[in-house]
Amino acid sequence: MPAAAASVLAAALALGLAAAGCATFDATFGKREAVVQFQPETTNAARLKVRAACAHLPHATPEPVPTGEPAADMTYDVRYRVDKASDGDLAKLQQCLQRFRSVVGIQFSGPAGS
């Protein structure tokens, strides 16, 4: 293969990898979630109760419970996907969460205004 053709092939491959990387970056960057913050001594059972109680809200979908480690060994973080949630949807989620004394707050991550 001539050197010029090899250079063009290498450039095309690099461009393809860069585009794939950008697509992955954009998908990750578009993810928006709300992470519920609890009192330190809150049990996983109480966390799951909160998750279930606030799972019905529009555009605030609970993320799956992790299965990688034994339930007794983990501290489960309740997370909601809120990619399409409006300010009103987020307010409803916050109102639902505030009903529980074990909840101390909610932290949002990802791009705002989605």
C-alpha atoms as a PDB file:
ATOM      1  CA  MET A   1       0.000   0.000   0.000  1.00  0.00           C
ATOM      2  CA  PRO A   2       1.490   3.362  -0.978  1.00  0.00           C
ATOM      3  CA  ALA A   3       2.337   5.758   1.847  1.00  0.00           C
ATOM      4  CA  ALA A   4      -0.274   8.308   0.700  1.00  0.00           C
ATOM      5  CA  ALA A   5      -3.047   5.699   0.763  1.00  0.00           C
ATOM      6  CA  ALA A   6      -1.926   4.521   4.188  1.00  0.00           C
ATOM      7  CA  SER A   7      -2.015   8.096   5.464  1.00  0.00           C
ATOM      8  CA  VAL A   8      -5.534   8.627   4.104  1.00  0.00           C
ATOM      9  CA  LEU A   9      -6.688   5.344   5.647  1.00  0.00           C
ATOM     10  CA  ALA A  10      -5.137   6.254   9.009  1.00  0.00           C
ATOM     11  CA  ALA A  11      -6.741   9.700   8.910  1.00  0.00           C
ATOM     12  CA  ALA A  12     -10.149   8.234   8.050  1.00  0.00           C
ATOM     13  CA  LEU A  13      -9.840   5.690  10.852  1.00  0.00           C
ATOM     14  CA  ALA A  14      -8.854   8.392  13.348  1.00  0.00           C
ATOM     15  CA  LEU A  15     -11.761  10.562  12.223  1.00  0.00           C
ATOM     16  CA  GLY A  16     -14.170   7.632  12.613  1.00  0.00           C
ATOM     17  CA  LEU A  17     -12.888   6.901  16.126  1.00  0.00           C
ATOM     18  CA  ALA A  18     -13.142  10.567  17.048  1.00  0.00           C
ATOM     19  CA  ALA A  19     -16.727  10.715  15.790  1.00  0.00           C
ATOM     20  CA  ALA A  20     -17.617   7.581  17.755  1.00  0.00           C
ATOM     21  CA  GLY A  21     -16.010   9.085  20.839  1.00  0.00           C
ATOM     22  CA  CYS A  22     -17.982  12.294  20.392  1.00  0.00           C
ATOM     23  CA  ALA A  23     -21.237  10.357  20.061  1.00  0.00           C
ATOM     24  CA  THR A  24     -20.478   8.495  23.281  1.00  0.00           C
ATOM     25  CA  PHE A  25     -19.507  11.749  24.977  1.00  0.00           C
ATOM     26  CA  ASP A  26     -22.722  13.450  23.838  1.00  0.00           C
ATOM     27  CA  ALA A  27     -24.861  10.538  25.065  1.00  0.00           C
ATOM     28  CA  THR A  28     -23.145  10.566  28.440  1.00  0.00           C
ATOM     29  CA  PHE A  29     -23.179  14.335  28.691  1.00  0.00           C
ATOM     30  CA  GLY A  30     -26.924  14.401  27.984  1.00  0.00           C
ATOM     31  CA  LYS A  31     -27.665  12.146  30.959  1.00  0.00           C
ATOM     32  CA  ARG A  32     -29.315  14.070  33.766  1.00  0.00           C
ATOM     33  CA  GLU A  33     -30.064  12.485  37.108  1.00  0.00           C
ATOM     34  CA  ALA A  34     -31.254  13.337  40.587  1.00  0.00           C
ATOM     35  CA  VAL A  35     -29.462  11.616  43.454  1.00  0.00           C
ATOM     36  CA  VAL A  36     -31.337  11.448  46.758  1.00  0.00           C
ATOM     37  CA  GLN A  37     -29.287  12.260  49.849  1.00  0.00           C
ATOM     38  CA  PHE A  38     -30.208  10.468  53.080  1.00  0.00           C
ATOM     39  CA  GLN A  39     -29.395  10.657  56.772  1.00  0.00           C
ATOM     40  CA  PRO A  40     -26.207   8.602  57.345  1.00  0.00           C
ATOM     41  CA  GLU A  41     -27.910   5.771  59.266  1.00  0.00           C
ATOM     42  CA  THR A  42     -30.734   5.229  56.752  1.00  0.00           C
ATOM     43  CA  THR A  43     -31.208   1.547  55.915  1.00  0.00           C
ATOM     44  CA  ASN A  44     -31.433   0.199  52.385  1.00  0.00           C
ATOM     45  CA  ALA A  45     -35.003  -0.890  53.141  1.00  0.00           C
ATOM     46  CA  ALA A  46     -35.944   2.711  53.936  1.00  0.00           C
ATOM     47  CA  ARG A  47     -34.170   3.916  50.787  1.00  0.00           C
ATOM     48  CA  LEU A  48     -36.099   1.420  48.659  1.00  0.00           C
ATOM     49  CA  LYS A  49     -39.350   2.577  50.278  1.00  0.00           C
ATOM     50  CA  VAL A  50     -38.574   6.171  49.248  1.00  0.00           C
ATOM     51  CA  ARG A  51     -37.678   4.992  45.742  1.00  0.00           C
ATOM     52  CA  ALA A  52     -40.990   3.150  45.373  1.00  0.00           C
ATOM     53  CA  ALA A  53     -43.070   5.978  46.815  1.00  0.00           C
ATOM     54  CA  CYS A  54     -41.747   8.530  44.324  1.00  0.00           C
ATOM     55  CA  ALA A  55     -41.482   6.223  41.282  1.00  0.00           C
ATOM     56  CA  HIS A  56     -44.797   7.309  39.732  1.00  0.00           C
ATOM     57  CA  LEU A  57     -43.851  10.869  38.847  1.00  0.00           C
ATOM     58  CA  PRO A  58     -43.679  12.016  35.214  1.00  0.00           C
ATOM     59  CA  HIS A  59     -40.189  12.197  33.686  1.00  0.00           C
ATOM     60  CA  ALA A  60     -38.494  11.067  36.936  1.00  0.00           C
ATOM     61  CA  THR A  61     -37.705   7.392  36.434  1.00  0.00           C
ATOM     62  CA  PRO A  62     -35.877   5.483  39.165  1.00  0.00           C
ATOM     63  CA  GLU A  63     -32.662   3.898  37.950  1.00  0.00           C
ATOM     64  CA  PRO A  64     -32.362   0.123  38.446  1.00  0.00           C
ATOM     65  CA  VAL A  65     -31.137  -1.174  41.775  1.00  0.00           C
ATOM     66  CA  PRO A  66     -27.501  -2.321  41.407  1.00  0.00           C
ATOM     67  CA  THR A  67     -27.002  -6.075  41.476  1.00  0.00           C
ATOM     68  CA  GLY A  68     -23.198  -6.306  41.557  1.00  0.00           C
ATOM     69  CA  GLU A  69     -22.685  -6.837  45.278  1.00  0.00           C
ATOM     70  CA  PRO A  70     -24.637  -8.405  48.158  1.00  0.00           C
ATOM     71  CA  ALA A  71     -27.436  -6.154  49.389  1.00  0.00           C
ATOM     72  CA  ALA A  72     -26.155  -6.351  52.968  1.00  0.00           C
ATOM     73  CA  ASP A  73     -22.771  -4.918  51.910  1.00  0.00           C
ATOM     74  CA  MET A  74     -23.927  -1.974  49.827  1.00  0.00           C
ATOM     75  CA  THR A  75     -25.310   1.438  50.537  1.00  0.00           C
ATOM     76  CA  TYR A  76     -27.908   1.960  47.849  1.00  0.00           C
ATOM     77  CA  ASP A  77     -28.021   5.425  46.295  1.00  0.00           C
ATOM     78  CA  VAL A  78     -31.508   6.246  45.042  1.00  0.00           C
ATOM     79  CA  ARG A  79     -31.154   7.829  41.615  1.00  0.00           C
ATOM     80  CA  TYR A  80     -33.793   9.101  39.200  1.00  0.00           C
ATOM     81  CA  ARG A  81     -33.260   9.789  35.509  1.00  0.00           C
ATOM     82  CA  VAL A  82     -34.656  13.256  34.874  1.00  0.00           C
ATOM     83  CA  ASP A  83     -33.430  13.886  31.313  1.00  0.00           C
ATOM     84  CA  LYS A  84     -36.837  15.130  30.131  1.00  0.00           C
ATOM     85  CA  ALA A  85     -38.127  16.540  33.417  1.00  0.00           C
ATOM     86  CA  SER A  86     -39.469  20.072  33.503  1.00  0.00           C
ATOM     87  CA  ASP A  87     -39.012  22.369  36.473  1.00  0.00           C
ATOM     88  CA  GLY A  88     -42.529  21.366  37.550  1.00  0.00           C
ATOM     89  CA  ASP A  89     -41.629  17.663  37.354  1.00  0.00           C
ATOM     90  CA  LEU A  90     -38.526  18.270  39.473  1.00  0.00           C
ATOM     91  CA  ALA A  91     -40.593  20.214  42.016  1.00  0.00           C
ATOM     92  CA  LYS A  92     -43.028  17.268  42.274  1.00  0.00           C
ATOM     93  CA  LEU A  93     -40.118  14.886  42.828  1.00  0.00           C
ATOM     94  CA  GLN A  94     -38.716  17.123  45.531  1.00  0.00           C
ATOM     95  CA  GLN A  95     -42.130  17.416  47.222  1.00  0.00           C
ATOM     96  CA  CYS A  96     -42.502  13.641  47.216  1.00  0.00           C
ATOM     97  CA  LEU A  97     -39.036  13.134  48.689  1.00  0.00           C
ATOM     98  CA  GLN A  98     -39.583  15.738  51.415  1.00  0.00           C
ATOM     99  CA  ARG A  99     -42.292  13.561  52.960  1.00  0.00           C
ATOM    100  CA  PHE A 100     -39.567  11.286  54.340  1.00  0.00           C
ATOM    101  CA  ARG A 101     -37.564  12.321  57.387  1.00  0.00           C
ATOM    102  CA  SER A 102     -34.597  10.227  56.243  1.00  0.00           C
ATOM    103  CA  VAL A 103     -34.194  12.355  53.088  1.00  0.00           C
ATOM    104  CA  VAL A 104     -31.947  15.367  53.612  1.00  0.00           C
ATOM    105  CA  GLY A 105     -31.716  16.612  50.038  1.00  0.00           C
ATOM    106  CA  ILE A 106     -31.444  15.960  46.355  1.00  0.00           C
ATOM    107  CA  GLN A 107     -28.459  16.590  44.111  1.00  0.00           C
ATOM    108  CA  PHE A 108     -28.818  17.088  40.371  1.00  0.00           C
ATOM    109  CA  SER A 109     -26.075  16.132  37.950  1.00  0.00           C
ATOM    110  CA  GLY A 110     -25.784  16.530  34.208  1.00  0.00           C
ATOM    111  CA  PRO A 111     -26.685  19.453  31.970  1.00  0.00           C
ATOM    112  CA  ALA A 112     -29.328  21.852  33.247  1.00  0.00           C
ATOM    113  CA  GLY A 113     -32.278  22.948  31.192  1.00  0.00           C
ATOM    114  CA  SER A 114     -32.706  19.641  29.345  1.00  0.00           C
END
